[in-house]
Protein backbone atom coordinates (compact mmCIF):
# COMPACT_ATOMS: atom_id res chain seq x y z
CA MET A 1 5.90 32.38 -13.31
CA LYS A 2 4.88 29.73 -15.63
CA ASN A 3 0.91 29.82 -15.85
CA ASN A 4 -0.17 28.39 -19.15
CA LEU A 5 -2.76 25.70 -19.40
CA ILE A 6 -1.57 23.19 -22.76
CA LEU A 7 -3.63 20.83 -24.18
CA ILE A 8 -1.68 18.16 -26.13
CA GLY A 9 -2.57 14.56 -27.63
CA PHE A 10 -3.68 13.36 -30.91
CA MET A 11 -6.15 14.92 -33.18
CA GLY A 12 -9.60 14.23 -32.14
CA THR A 13 -8.93 13.89 -28.68
CA GLY A 14 -10.75 17.18 -27.66
CA LYS A 15 -7.98 19.63 -27.64
CA THR A 16 -9.55 22.73 -29.29
CA SER A 17 -13.26 22.20 -27.96
CA LEU A 18 -12.11 21.25 -24.40
CA GLY A 19 -9.65 24.61 -24.73
CA LYS A 20 -12.22 26.93 -25.44
CA LEU A 21 -14.39 25.67 -22.44
CA LEU A 22 -11.67 25.77 -19.98
CA ALA A 23 -10.47 29.50 -21.52
CA GLU A 24 -14.07 30.67 -20.78
CA LYS A 25 -14.08 28.95 -17.05
CA LEU A 26 -10.94 30.51 -16.32
CA GLY A 27 -11.20 33.76 -18.07
CA ARG A 28 -8.44 33.01 -20.13
CA GLY A 29 -7.43 33.77 -23.87
CA PHE A 30 -7.11 30.60 -25.42
CA ILE A 31 -4.60 29.84 -29.00
CA ASP A 32 -5.03 27.06 -31.24
CA ILE A 33 -1.70 26.66 -32.64
CA ASP A 34 -2.95 24.93 -35.75
CA GLN A 35 -5.34 27.80 -36.09
CA LYS A 36 -2.69 30.36 -35.37
CA ILE A 37 -0.29 28.58 -38.34
CA GLU A 38 -3.36 28.94 -40.61
CA GLN A 39 -3.97 32.49 -39.86
CA ASP A 40 0.03 33.55 -40.06
CA ALA A 41 0.19 31.82 -43.39
CA GLY A 42 -3.16 32.47 -44.91
CA LEU A 43 -3.56 28.98 -45.64
CA SER A 44 -5.42 26.09 -44.48
CA ILE A 45 -3.19 23.45 -42.92
CA PRO A 46 -4.33 20.83 -45.61
CA GLN A 47 -3.37 23.21 -48.30
CA ILE A 48 0.28 23.99 -46.49
CA PHE A 49 0.79 20.31 -46.34
CA GLU A 50 -0.65 19.76 -50.05
CA THR A 51 1.62 23.03 -51.05
CA TYR A 52 4.94 23.24 -49.34
CA GLY A 53 4.81 19.75 -47.16
CA GLU A 54 5.24 18.72 -43.88
CA LYS A 55 8.46 20.02 -42.78
CA TYR A 56 7.42 23.61 -43.82
CA PHE A 57 4.13 22.85 -41.50
CA ARG A 58 6.45 22.25 -38.59
CA GLU A 59 8.76 25.23 -39.28
CA LEU A 60 5.72 27.18 -39.25
CA GLU A 61 4.64 25.13 -35.96
CA LYS A 62 7.84 25.94 -34.29
CA LYS A 63 8.15 29.65 -34.81
CA ALA A 64 3.96 29.75 -33.48
CA VAL A 65 5.00 27.43 -30.35
CA LYS A 66 8.29 29.94 -29.65
CA GLU A 67 5.96 32.98 -29.92
CA ILE A 68 3.00 31.90 -28.01
CA THR A 69 5.21 30.67 -24.92
CA GLN A 70 6.52 33.90 -24.31
CA ARG A 71 2.80 34.80 -23.37
CA ARG A 72 1.14 33.95 -20.33
CA GLY A 73 -2.55 33.24 -18.79
CA LEU A 74 -3.30 30.92 -21.70
CA VAL A 75 -5.09 27.84 -22.25
CA ILE A 76 -2.97 26.72 -25.35
CA ALA A 77 -4.60 23.52 -27.66
CA THR A 78 -1.32 21.93 -29.68
CA GLY A 79 -1.50 20.08 -32.60
CA GLY A 80 -1.20 16.51 -32.71
CA GLY A 81 2.48 16.19 -33.47
CA THR A 82 3.47 19.46 -32.01
CA VAL A 83 5.32 17.82 -29.04
CA LYS A 84 7.40 15.44 -31.51
CA ASP A 85 9.70 18.12 -31.38
CA GLU A 86 11.94 18.50 -27.95
CA GLU A 87 12.45 22.27 -28.15
CA ASN A 88 8.84 22.63 -28.59
CA PHE A 89 8.34 20.39 -26.07
CA ARG A 90 10.58 22.07 -23.68
CA LEU A 91 9.33 25.84 -24.41
CA LEU A 92 5.38 24.23 -23.78
CA LYS A 93 6.66 22.53 -20.41
CA SER A 94 8.44 26.20 -19.28
CA SER A 95 5.67 27.88 -20.09
CA GLY A 96 2.93 25.74 -17.84
CA VAL A 97 1.54 22.83 -16.79
CA ILE A 98 0.92 19.89 -20.02
CA VAL A 99 -2.36 18.25 -20.20
CA CYS A 100 -2.74 15.31 -22.54
CA LEU A 101 -6.06 14.39 -23.61
CA THR A 102 -6.21 10.61 -24.91
CA THR A 103 -8.83 8.67 -26.64
CA GLU A 104 -9.40 5.21 -27.94
CA PRO A 105 -7.95 4.71 -31.47
CA GLU A 106 -11.77 3.62 -32.41
CA GLU A 107 -13.18 7.02 -31.17
CA ILE A 108 -10.29 9.02 -32.70
CA PHE A 109 -11.37 7.45 -36.16
CA ARG A 110 -14.90 8.09 -35.89
CA ARG A 111 -14.76 11.92 -34.66
CA THR A 112 -11.71 12.40 -37.58
CA GLU A 113 -13.94 10.71 -40.11
CA ARG A 114 -14.25 13.44 -42.63
CA ARG A 115 -11.44 13.41 -45.70
CA GLY A 116 -9.59 16.57 -46.36
CA GLU A 117 -8.97 18.09 -42.79
CA ARG A 118 -6.53 15.77 -41.36
CA PRO A 119 -3.55 15.85 -43.66
CA MET A 120 -1.44 13.20 -41.71
CA LEU A 121 -4.59 10.38 -41.94
CA ASP A 122 -6.03 11.59 -45.41
CA SER A 123 -3.28 10.11 -47.61
CA ASP A 124 -4.53 6.55 -46.00
CA GLU A 125 -6.80 4.38 -46.94
CA ASN A 126 -6.70 2.37 -43.79
CA ARG A 127 -7.36 5.23 -41.45
CA LEU A 128 -7.63 3.33 -38.33
CA ASP A 129 -4.19 1.30 -38.39
CA THR A 130 -2.59 4.89 -39.32
CA ILE A 131 -4.19 6.24 -36.40
CA LYS A 132 -2.63 3.35 -34.28
CA LYS A 133 0.77 3.72 -35.81
CA LEU A 134 0.76 7.36 -35.24
CA LEU A 135 -0.55 7.03 -31.67
CA GLU A 136 2.05 4.36 -31.02
CA GLU A 137 5.23 6.80 -32.58
CA ARG A 138 3.76 9.44 -30.22
CA GLN A 139 3.24 7.84 -26.46
CA LYS A 140 6.79 8.71 -25.45
CA PHE A 141 5.89 12.18 -26.10
CA TYR A 142 2.43 12.52 -24.92
CA SER A 143 3.68 10.31 -21.59
CA GLN A 144 5.78 13.06 -20.46
CA ALA A 145 2.59 15.27 -19.65
CA ASP A 146 1.97 16.42 -16.47
CA TYR A 147 -1.45 14.55 -16.06
CA THR A 148 -3.12 12.67 -18.54
CA ILE A 149 -7.15 12.01 -18.84
CA ASP A 150 -8.99 9.87 -21.47
CA THR A 151 -11.69 11.66 -22.85
CA THR A 152 -13.22 8.62 -24.79
CA ASP A 153 -16.53 8.14 -22.27
CA TRP A 154 -16.31 11.76 -20.80
CA SER A 155 -18.45 15.08 -21.37
CA PRO A 156 -16.29 18.14 -21.97
CA LEU A 157 -17.74 19.60 -19.02
CA GLN A 158 -16.44 16.23 -16.77
CA ILE A 159 -13.03 16.51 -18.60
CA MET A 160 -13.19 20.32 -17.71
CA ASN A 161 -14.06 19.86 -13.90
CA ASP A 162 -11.51 17.32 -13.85
CA ILE A 163 -8.73 19.11 -14.80
CA CYS A 164 -9.55 22.48 -12.85
CA LYS A 165 -9.82 20.01 -9.77
CA ARG A 166 -6.84 18.48 -10.20
CA PHE A 167 -4.88 21.90 -10.56
CA ARG A 168 -6.98 23.72 -8.18
CA LEU A 169 -7.94 26.15 -11.05
């Protein structure tokens, strides 16, 4: 039976913080795929990107997804680009329901301002344009979620309650 609750969406939409709240409320384990990659690699994501590049990071991500989707009863927060890979998306979908968190580009910009933590944004001087471009590229993947919720103006508690009500959790 597939019973994981998987949060997808762009960086800065609240997947990790909301995932922790949901896991606590539902009495489930919580896994953040990016944090798992960092633990397994012994390096931060910016260090992985800087030392080995995005391709290597995506390989680590794929391995983590394969491992995590074998487990049940979890709340899983994916990285922003995890679902760009068809196999990753298929594995996640087969293991649970997928909720996509969205946020306005300007709010993402505000939430991800600190440099050094977001390799996909840190290399570009015009972060807002990069955010908009990446959002557009990833929309076709995000749109395949079972449910989508905009986190721009809602508190984490409101979002959590909406998801729980929607899926009768």
